[in-house]
């Protein structure tokens, strides 16, 4: 066993916890890490994208990944761990190629999100944060996909699948597991893997940000009304002062 490897406390687990990346991985990731850190006036501010970078390597944020971040930023492993465990966008254990998130917040739930999540749990045989045996799909319920105008919404690796039903959601995950071409409702014409998405979130452009429809339907309703009525936003150089606003209210 490599001297950088340690066995977990649980005798029932066969998984080996690697405390550091192999030298080859460290050498390959360090130039990217330095590029990320150079974007920030204070280097510790680069921790979030660095965590995405190491997640793009293994598909989750391991102890070795956190150690890499700590070494690059000159901070403690405990400081990195505190951040990595706070945000749900960082996996703490291996998962699938496709993260399928079902919104179960108020509007999506009312429109059928709870039913979609329940049907996918039964269909895939996994629960929240569970991964199918083939390693293709990890299922999670999300508190909000920030797309209430298209409820109920499912996201796959942060791409939108709008106006879903239990049947369409089941077809979606079946296609993902079979390797069929799957296109989001909005955005790029095809899906990237979880690792590829993590690298984009680390700040490395994959050249696909402008693909496909970015906004549609209900998202543009307010804009259409404003254009029909000739409404425009206030001129930021000519905004009323507080005193003027109070005078007008009298």
C-alpha atoms as a PDB file:
ATOM      1  CA  UNK A   1       0.000   0.000   0.000  1.00  0.00           C
ATOM      2  CA  UNK A   2       1.171   3.495  -0.818  1.00  0.00           C
ATOM      3  CA  UNK A   3       2.362   5.386   2.235  1.00  0.00           C
ATOM      4  CA  UNK A   4      -0.198   8.075   1.446  1.00  0.00           C
ATOM      5  CA  UNK A   5      -3.043   5.588   1.843  1.00  0.00           C
ATOM      6  CA  UNK A   6      -4.794   4.804   5.101  1.00  0.00           C
ATOM      7  CA  UNK A   7      -7.553   2.361   5.855  1.00  0.00           C
ATOM      8  CA  UNK A   8     -10.873   3.685   7.208  1.00  0.00           C
ATOM      9  CA  UNK A   9     -11.873   3.118  10.808  1.00  0.00           C
ATOM     10  CA  UNK A  10     -14.731   0.799   9.866  1.00  0.00           C
ATOM     11  CA  UNK A  11     -13.563  -2.791   9.591  1.00  0.00           C
ATOM     12  CA  UNK A  12     -16.597  -3.539   7.418  1.00  0.00           C
ATOM     13  CA  UNK A  13     -15.484  -1.179   4.651  1.00  0.00           C
ATOM     14  CA  UNK A  14     -13.069  -2.293   1.955  1.00  0.00           C
ATOM     15  CA  UNK A  15     -12.669   1.240   0.601  1.00  0.00           C
ATOM     16  CA  UNK A  16      -9.220   2.768   0.882  1.00  0.00           C
ATOM     17  CA  UNK A  17      -9.038   6.438   1.819  1.00  0.00           C
ATOM     18  CA  UNK A  18      -6.214   8.114  -0.070  1.00  0.00           C
ATOM     19  CA  UNK A  19      -4.827  11.043   1.883  1.00  0.00           C
ATOM     20  CA  UNK A  20      -3.117  12.615  -1.125  1.00  0.00           C
ATOM     21  CA  UNK A  21      -3.386  12.441  -4.880  1.00  0.00           C
ATOM     22  CA  UNK A  22      -0.734  10.401  -6.725  1.00  0.00           C
ATOM     23  CA  UNK A  23       2.144  12.568  -7.939  1.00  0.00           C
ATOM     24  CA  UNK A  24       0.946  12.336 -11.555  1.00  0.00           C
ATOM     25  CA  UNK A  25      -2.485  13.718 -10.670  1.00  0.00           C
ATOM     26  CA  UNK A  26      -1.029  16.512  -8.555  1.00  0.00           C
ATOM     27  CA  UNK A  27       1.338  17.543 -11.353  1.00  0.00           C
ATOM     28  CA  UNK A  28      -1.524  17.580 -13.856  1.00  0.00           C
ATOM     29  CA  UNK A  29      -3.915  19.602 -11.675  1.00  0.00           C
ATOM     30  CA  UNK A  30      -1.455  22.132 -10.288  1.00  0.00           C
ATOM     31  CA  UNK A  31      -1.323  24.368 -13.422  1.00  0.00           C
ATOM     32  CA  UNK A  32      -5.132  24.559 -13.423  1.00  0.00           C
ATOM     33  CA  UNK A  33      -5.132  25.308  -9.706  1.00  0.00           C
ATOM     34  CA  UNK A  34      -2.634  28.139 -10.144  1.00  0.00           C
ATOM     35  CA  UNK A  35      -4.759  29.591 -12.951  1.00  0.00           C
ATOM     36  CA  UNK A  36      -7.823  29.533 -10.689  1.00  0.00           C
ATOM     37  CA  UNK A  37      -6.005  31.076  -7.730  1.00  0.00           C
ATOM     38  CA  UNK A  38      -4.630  33.884  -9.908  1.00  0.00           C
ATOM     39  CA  UNK A  39      -8.184  35.117 -10.520  1.00  0.00           C
ATOM     40  CA  UNK A  40      -8.604  36.234  -6.911  1.00  0.00           C
ATOM     41  CA  UNK A  41      -6.945  39.044  -4.908  1.00  0.00           C
ATOM     42  CA  UNK A  42      -6.942  36.731  -1.864  1.00  0.00           C
ATOM     43  CA  UNK A  43      -5.980  33.213  -2.750  1.00  0.00           C
ATOM     44  CA  UNK A  44      -8.215  31.490  -0.195  1.00  0.00           C
ATOM     45  CA  UNK A  45     -11.183  32.945  -2.097  1.00  0.00           C
ATOM     46  CA  UNK A  46     -10.405  30.364  -4.791  1.00  0.00           C
ATOM     47  CA  UNK A  47     -11.515  27.450  -2.599  1.00  0.00           C
ATOM     48  CA  UNK A  48     -14.955  26.930  -4.171  1.00  0.00           C
ATOM     49  CA  UNK A  49     -13.710  26.560  -7.776  1.00  0.00           C
ATOM     50  CA  UNK A  50     -10.779  24.471  -6.539  1.00  0.00           C
ATOM     51  CA  UNK A  51     -13.247  22.044  -4.977  1.00  0.00           C
ATOM     52  CA  UNK A  52     -15.004  21.808  -8.338  1.00  0.00           C
ATOM     53  CA  UNK A  53     -11.628  21.147  -9.953  1.00  0.00           C
ATOM     54  CA  UNK A  54     -10.825  18.186  -7.712  1.00  0.00           C
ATOM     55  CA  UNK A  55     -14.389  16.942  -8.109  1.00  0.00           C
ATOM     56  CA  UNK A  56     -13.827  16.900 -11.874  1.00  0.00           C
ATOM     57  CA  UNK A  57     -10.944  14.501 -11.248  1.00  0.00           C
ATOM     58  CA  UNK A  58     -12.706  11.860  -9.152  1.00  0.00           C
ATOM     59  CA  UNK A  59     -16.380  12.701  -9.429  1.00  0.00           C
ATOM     60  CA  UNK A  60     -16.530  13.621  -5.755  1.00  0.00           C
ATOM     61  CA  UNK A  61     -14.502  15.561  -3.187  1.00  0.00           C
ATOM     62  CA  UNK A  62     -12.292  13.024  -1.476  1.00  0.00           C
ATOM     63  CA  UNK A  63      -9.873  13.453   1.392  1.00  0.00           C
ATOM     64  CA  UNK A  64      -7.085  13.575  -1.201  1.00  0.00           C
ATOM     65  CA  UNK A  65      -8.939  16.290  -3.107  1.00  0.00           C
ATOM     66  CA  UNK A  66      -9.398  18.378   0.024  1.00  0.00           C
ATOM     67  CA  UNK A  67      -5.728  17.924   0.905  1.00  0.00           C
ATOM     68  CA  UNK A  68      -4.788  19.160  -2.569  1.00  0.00           C
ATOM     69  CA  UNK A  69      -6.917  22.288  -2.077  1.00  0.00           C
ATOM     70  CA  UNK A  70      -5.422  22.897   1.362  1.00  0.00           C
ATOM     71  CA  UNK A  71      -1.869  22.574   0.029  1.00  0.00           C
ATOM     72  CA  UNK A  72      -2.550  24.909  -2.891  1.00  0.00           C
ATOM     73  CA  UNK A  73      -4.074  27.607  -0.688  1.00  0.00           C
ATOM     74  CA  UNK A  74      -1.912  27.235   2.381  1.00  0.00           C
ATOM     75  CA  UNK A  75      -4.879  26.556   4.667  1.00  0.00           C
ATOM     76  CA  UNK A  76      -5.761  23.634   6.912  1.00  0.00           C
ATOM     77  CA  UNK A  77      -7.593  20.485   5.898  1.00  0.00           C
ATOM     78  CA  UNK A  78     -10.223  21.329   8.512  1.00  0.00           C
ATOM     79  CA  UNK A  79     -10.941  24.659   6.806  1.00  0.00           C
ATOM     80  CA  UNK A  80     -11.408  22.935   3.452  1.00  0.00           C
ATOM     81  CA  UNK A  81     -13.577  20.232   4.996  1.00  0.00           C
ATOM     82  CA  UNK A  82     -15.827  22.851   6.611  1.00  0.00           C
ATOM     83  CA  UNK A  83     -16.593  24.336   3.191  1.00  0.00           C
ATOM     84  CA  UNK A  84     -16.862  21.044   1.294  1.00  0.00           C
ATOM     85  CA  UNK A  85     -19.401  19.673   3.769  1.00  0.00           C
ATOM     86  CA  UNK A  86     -21.476  22.864   3.811  1.00  0.00           C
ATOM     87  CA  UNK A  87     -22.417  23.002   0.125  1.00  0.00           C
ATOM     88  CA  UNK A  88     -24.544  20.239  -1.395  1.00  0.00           C
ATOM     89  CA  UNK A  89     -23.021  20.793  -4.848  1.00  0.00           C
ATOM     90  CA  UNK A  90     -19.954  18.873  -3.669  1.00  0.00           C
ATOM     91  CA  UNK A  91     -20.331  15.117  -3.454  1.00  0.00           C
ATOM     92  CA  UNK A  92     -18.613  13.470  -0.518  1.00  0.00           C
ATOM     93  CA  UNK A  93     -18.699   9.974  -1.966  1.00  0.00           C
ATOM     94  CA  UNK A  94     -18.563   8.463  -5.472  1.00  0.00           C
ATOM     95  CA  UNK A  95     -21.717   8.871  -7.538  1.00  0.00           C
ATOM     96  CA  UNK A  96     -23.110   8.428 -11.013  1.00  0.00           C
ATOM     97  CA  UNK A  97     -22.204   9.981 -14.339  1.00  0.00           C
ATOM     98  CA  UNK A  98     -25.484  11.873 -14.216  1.00  0.00           C
ATOM     99  CA  UNK A  99     -26.823  13.703 -11.172  1.00  0.00           C
ATOM    100  CA  UNK A 100     -30.613  13.778 -11.502  1.00  0.00           C
ATOM    101  CA  UNK A 101     -32.093  16.414  -9.216  1.00  0.00           C
ATOM    102  CA  UNK A 102     -35.855  16.624  -8.744  1.00  0.00           C
ATOM    103  CA  UNK A 103     -37.150  19.885  -7.334  1.00  0.00           C
ATOM    104  CA  UNK A 104     -39.450  19.250  -4.370  1.00  0.00           C
ATOM    105  CA  UNK A 105     -39.803  22.842  -3.229  1.00  0.00           C
ATOM    106  CA  UNK A 106     -43.257  24.394  -2.890  1.00  0.00           C
ATOM    107  CA  UNK A 107     -44.286  25.172  -6.469  1.00  0.00           C
ATOM    108  CA  UNK A 108     -42.677  22.148  -8.094  1.00  0.00           C
ATOM    109  CA  UNK A 109     -44.097  19.931  -5.350  1.00  0.00           C
ATOM    110  CA  UNK A 110     -47.600  21.284  -5.917  1.00  0.00           C
ATOM    111  CA  UNK A 111     -47.220  20.785  -9.668  1.00  0.00           C
ATOM    112  CA  UNK A 112     -46.066  17.179  -9.273  1.00  0.00           C
ATOM    113  CA  UNK A 113     -42.446  17.227  -8.112  1.00  0.00           C
ATOM    114  CA  UNK A 114     -43.104  14.983  -5.111  1.00  0.00           C
ATOM    115  CA  UNK A 115     -44.814  12.458  -7.363  1.00  0.00           C
ATOM    116  CA  UNK A 116     -41.900  12.555  -9.817  1.00  0.00           C
ATOM    117  CA  UNK A 117     -39.356  11.975  -7.056  1.00  0.00           C
ATOM    118  CA  UNK A 118     -41.355   9.090  -5.600  1.00  0.00           C
ATOM    119  CA  UNK A 119     -41.743   7.465  -8.998  1.00  0.00           C
ATOM    120  CA  UNK A 120     -38.012   7.738  -9.735  1.00  0.00           C
ATOM    121  CA  UNK A 121     -37.141   6.237  -6.358  1.00  0.00           C
ATOM    122  CA  UNK A 122     -39.282   3.199  -7.188  1.00  0.00           C
ATOM    123  CA  UNK A 123     -38.128   3.035 -10.813  1.00  0.00           C
ATOM    124  CA  UNK A 124     -34.403   3.266 -10.040  1.00  0.00           C
ATOM    125  CA  UNK A 125     -34.468   1.429  -6.725  1.00  0.00           C
ATOM    126  CA  UNK A 126     -32.508   4.156  -4.942  1.00  0.00           C
ATOM    127  CA  UNK A 127     -33.329   6.980  -2.554  1.00  0.00           C
ATOM    128  CA  UNK A 128     -31.999  10.489  -2.049  1.00  0.00           C
ATOM    129  CA  UNK A 129     -28.272  10.592  -2.922  1.00  0.00           C
ATOM    130  CA  UNK A 130     -28.455   6.958  -4.003  1.00  0.00           C
ATOM    131  CA  UNK A 131     -26.678   5.713  -7.126  1.00  0.00           C
ATOM    132  CA  UNK A 132     -27.845   2.980  -9.480  1.00  0.00           C
ATOM    133  CA  UNK A 133     -25.799  -0.211  -9.579  1.00  0.00           C
ATOM    134  CA  UNK A 134     -24.535   0.553 -13.081  1.00  0.00           C
ATOM    135  CA  UNK A 135     -23.007   3.817 -11.816  1.00  0.00           C
ATOM    136  CA  UNK A 136     -24.959   5.906 -14.288  1.00  0.00           C
ATOM    137  CA  UNK A 137     -27.473   7.874 -12.218  1.00  0.00           C
ATOM    138  CA  UNK A 138     -27.428   9.492  -8.793  1.00  0.00           C
ATOM    139  CA  UNK A 139     -30.847  10.674  -7.614  1.00  0.00           C
ATOM    140  CA  UNK A 140     -31.434  13.622  -5.314  1.00  0.00           C
ATOM    141  CA  UNK A 141     -34.270  15.886  -4.298  1.00  0.00           C
ATOM    142  CA  UNK A 142     -33.498  19.585  -4.512  1.00  0.00           C
ATOM    143  CA  UNK A 143     -35.064  22.453  -2.632  1.00  0.00           C
ATOM    144  CA  UNK A 144     -35.149  24.700  -5.703  1.00  0.00           C
ATOM    145  CA  UNK A 145     -33.990  24.480  -9.310  1.00  0.00           C
ATOM    146  CA  UNK A 146     -34.558  28.233  -9.821  1.00  0.00           C
ATOM    147  CA  UNK A 147     -37.017  27.543 -12.650  1.00  0.00           C
ATOM    148  CA  UNK A 148     -40.434  27.899 -11.031  1.00  0.00           C
ATOM    149  CA  UNK A 149     -41.970  29.128 -14.308  1.00  0.00           C
ATOM    150  CA  UNK A 150     -41.404  25.655 -15.782  1.00  0.00           C
ATOM    151  CA  UNK A 151     -42.487  23.577 -12.789  1.00  0.00           C
ATOM    152  CA  UNK A 152     -42.086  20.738 -12.169  1.00  0.00           C
ATOM    153  CA  UNK A 153     -38.429  20.754 -13.146  1.00  0.00           C
ATOM    154  CA  UNK A 154     -35.750  18.072 -13.148  1.00  0.00           C
ATOM    155  CA  UNK A 155     -32.074  18.921 -13.580  1.00  0.00           C
ATOM    156  CA  UNK A 156     -29.386  16.595 -14.911  1.00  0.00           C
ATOM    157  CA  UNK A 157     -25.841  17.780 -14.234  1.00  0.00           C
ATOM    158  CA  UNK A 158     -27.344  21.278 -13.768  1.00  0.00           C
ATOM    159  CA  UNK A 159     -29.123  21.317 -17.152  1.00  0.00           C
ATOM    160  CA  UNK A 160     -32.882  21.953 -17.247  1.00  0.00           C
ATOM    161  CA  UNK A 161     -35.601  19.465 -18.122  1.00  0.00           C
ATOM    162  CA  UNK A 162     -38.800  21.470 -17.823  1.00  0.00           C
ATOM    163  CA  UNK A 163     -42.475  20.597 -17.320  1.00  0.00           C
ATOM    164  CA  UNK A 164     -41.768  17.008 -16.359  1.00  0.00           C
ATOM    165  CA  UNK A 165     -44.160  14.213 -15.429  1.00  0.00           C
ATOM    166  CA  UNK A 166     -43.433  10.861 -13.764  1.00  0.00           C
ATOM    167  CA  UNK A 167     -43.492   9.164 -17.179  1.00  0.00           C
ATOM    168  CA  UNK A 168     -41.186  11.634 -18.917  1.00  0.00           C
ATOM    169  CA  UNK A 169     -38.780  11.584 -15.969  1.00  0.00           C
ATOM    170  CA  UNK A 170     -38.617   7.780 -16.072  1.00  0.00           C
ATOM    171  CA  UNK A 171     -37.934   7.841 -19.813  1.00  0.00           C
ATOM    172  CA  UNK A 172     -35.213  10.406 -19.167  1.00  0.00           C
ATOM    173  CA  UNK A 173     -33.313   8.279 -16.652  1.00  0.00           C
ATOM    174  CA  UNK A 174     -33.777   5.179 -18.819  1.00  0.00           C
ATOM    175  CA  UNK A 175     -32.184   7.001 -21.766  1.00  0.00           C
ATOM    176  CA  UNK A 176     -29.304   8.132 -19.558  1.00  0.00           C
ATOM    177  CA  UNK A 177     -28.648   4.581 -18.418  1.00  0.00           C
ATOM    178  CA  UNK A 178     -28.854   3.215 -21.966  1.00  0.00           C
ATOM    179  CA  UNK A 179     -26.461   5.816 -23.339  1.00  0.00           C
ATOM    180  CA  UNK A 180     -29.051   7.363 -25.651  1.00  0.00           C
ATOM    181  CA  UNK A 181     -28.734  10.970 -26.796  1.00  0.00           C
ATOM    182  CA  UNK A 182     -30.493  13.282 -24.360  1.00  0.00           C
ATOM    183  CA  UNK A 183     -31.061  16.998 -24.954  1.00  0.00           C
ATOM    184  CA  UNK A 184     -32.011  19.460 -22.200  1.00  0.00           C
ATOM    185  CA  UNK A 185     -35.099  21.616 -22.648  1.00  0.00           C
ATOM    186  CA  UNK A 186     -32.916  24.713 -22.616  1.00  0.00           C
ATOM    187  CA  UNK A 187     -29.197  25.136 -23.103  1.00  0.00           C
ATOM    188  CA  UNK A 188     -26.765  22.846 -24.939  1.00  0.00           C
ATOM    189  CA  UNK A 189     -27.860  20.218 -27.428  1.00  0.00           C
ATOM    190  CA  UNK A 190     -26.517  17.366 -25.322  1.00  0.00           C
ATOM    191  CA  UNK A 191     -25.432  16.547 -21.780  1.00  0.00           C
ATOM    192  CA  UNK A 192     -21.928  16.428 -20.410  1.00  0.00           C
ATOM    193  CA  UNK A 193     -20.934  14.090 -17.600  1.00  0.00           C
ATOM    194  CA  UNK A 194     -20.808  15.088 -13.941  1.00  0.00           C
ATOM    195  CA  UNK A 195     -17.012  15.327 -14.057  1.00  0.00           C
ATOM    196  CA  UNK A 196     -17.125  17.531 -17.152  1.00  0.00           C
ATOM    197  CA  UNK A 197     -19.747  19.779 -15.543  1.00  0.00           C
ATOM    198  CA  UNK A 198     -17.551  20.119 -12.455  1.00  0.00           C
ATOM    199  CA  UNK A 199     -14.656  21.323 -14.586  1.00  0.00           C
ATOM    200  CA  UNK A 200     -16.873  23.972 -16.173  1.00  0.00           C
ATOM    201  CA  UNK A 201     -17.926  25.111 -12.694  1.00  0.00           C
ATOM    202  CA  UNK A 202     -14.238  25.370 -11.812  1.00  0.00           C
ATOM    203  CA  UNK A 203     -14.087  28.102 -14.445  1.00  0.00           C
ATOM    204  CA  UNK A 204     -12.833  26.307 -17.544  1.00  0.00           C
ATOM    205  CA  UNK A 205     -15.102  27.125 -20.465  1.00  0.00           C
ATOM    206  CA  UNK A 206     -16.204  24.196 -22.623  1.00  0.00           C
ATOM    207  CA  UNK A 207     -17.366  26.568 -25.355  1.00  0.00           C
ATOM    208  CA  UNK A 208     -21.021  25.615 -25.003  1.00  0.00           C
ATOM    209  CA  UNK A 209     -22.432  28.405 -22.848  1.00  0.00           C
ATOM    210  CA  UNK A 210     -24.243  30.040 -25.743  1.00  0.00           C
ATOM    211  CA  UNK A 211     -25.790  26.900 -27.188  1.00  0.00           C
ATOM    212  CA  UNK A 212     -29.531  26.472 -27.483  1.00  0.00           C
ATOM    213  CA  UNK A 213     -32.413  28.447 -26.018  1.00  0.00           C
ATOM    214  CA  UNK A 214     -31.438  30.272 -22.837  1.00  0.00           C
ATOM    215  CA  UNK A 215     -34.871  31.653 -21.889  1.00  0.00           C
ATOM    216  CA  UNK A 216     -38.327  30.904 -23.209  1.00  0.00           C
ATOM    217  CA  UNK A 217     -42.032  30.849 -22.512  1.00  0.00           C
ATOM    218  CA  UNK A 218     -43.054  32.051 -19.092  1.00  0.00           C
ATOM    219  CA  UNK A 219     -39.577  33.453 -18.380  1.00  0.00           C
ATOM    220  CA  UNK A 220     -40.125  36.074 -21.090  1.00  0.00           C
ATOM    221  CA  UNK A 221     -43.775  36.920 -20.338  1.00  0.00           C
ATOM    222  CA  UNK A 222     -42.948  40.002 -18.290  1.00  0.00           C
ATOM    223  CA  UNK A 223     -40.554  41.260 -20.969  1.00  0.00           C
ATOM    224  CA  UNK A 224     -43.218  40.831 -23.657  1.00  0.00           C
ATOM    225  CA  UNK A 225     -45.750  42.829 -21.595  1.00  0.00           C
ATOM    226  CA  UNK A 226     -43.216  45.624 -21.042  1.00  0.00           C
ATOM    227  CA  UNK A 227     -42.427  45.847 -24.757  1.00  0.00           C
ATOM    228  CA  UNK A 228     -46.099  45.984 -25.736  1.00  0.00           C
ATOM    229  CA  UNK A 229     -46.696  48.816 -23.279  1.00  0.00           C
ATOM    230  CA  UNK A 230     -43.494  50.692 -24.037  1.00  0.00           C
ATOM    231  CA  UNK A 231     -42.224  50.299 -20.492  1.00  0.00           C
ATOM    232  CA  UNK A 232     -38.522  50.761 -19.853  1.00  0.00           C
ATOM    233  CA  UNK A 233     -36.295  50.508 -16.829  1.00  0.00           C
ATOM    234  CA  UNK A 234     -35.482  53.750 -14.969  1.00  0.00           C
ATOM    235  CA  UNK A 235     -32.397  55.583 -16.145  1.00  0.00           C
ATOM    236  CA  UNK A 236     -29.759  54.807 -13.490  1.00  0.00           C
ATOM    237  CA  UNK A 237     -28.268  58.260 -14.075  1.00  0.00           C
ATOM    238  CA  UNK A 238     -31.572  59.966 -13.342  1.00  0.00           C
ATOM    239  CA  UNK A 239     -33.072  58.141 -10.380  1.00  0.00           C
ATOM    240  CA  UNK A 240     -35.188  60.088  -7.875  1.00  0.00           C
ATOM    241  CA  UNK A 241     -33.558  60.901  -4.556  1.00  0.00           C
ATOM    242  CA  UNK A 242     -35.055  59.789  -1.278  1.00  0.00           C
ATOM    243  CA  UNK A 243     -36.361  63.301  -0.613  1.00  0.00           C
ATOM    244  CA  UNK A 244     -38.085  63.365  -4.010  1.00  0.00           C
ATOM    245  CA  UNK A 245     -39.630  59.996  -3.367  1.00  0.00           C
ATOM    246  CA  UNK A 246     -40.985  61.077   0.018  1.00  0.00           C
ATOM    247  CA  UNK A 247     -42.369  64.310  -1.474  1.00  0.00           C
ATOM    248  CA  UNK A 248     -44.177  62.398  -4.200  1.00  0.00           C
ATOM    249  CA  UNK A 249     -45.749  60.084  -1.630  1.00  0.00           C
ATOM    250  CA  UNK A 250     -47.420  62.970   0.243  1.00  0.00           C
END
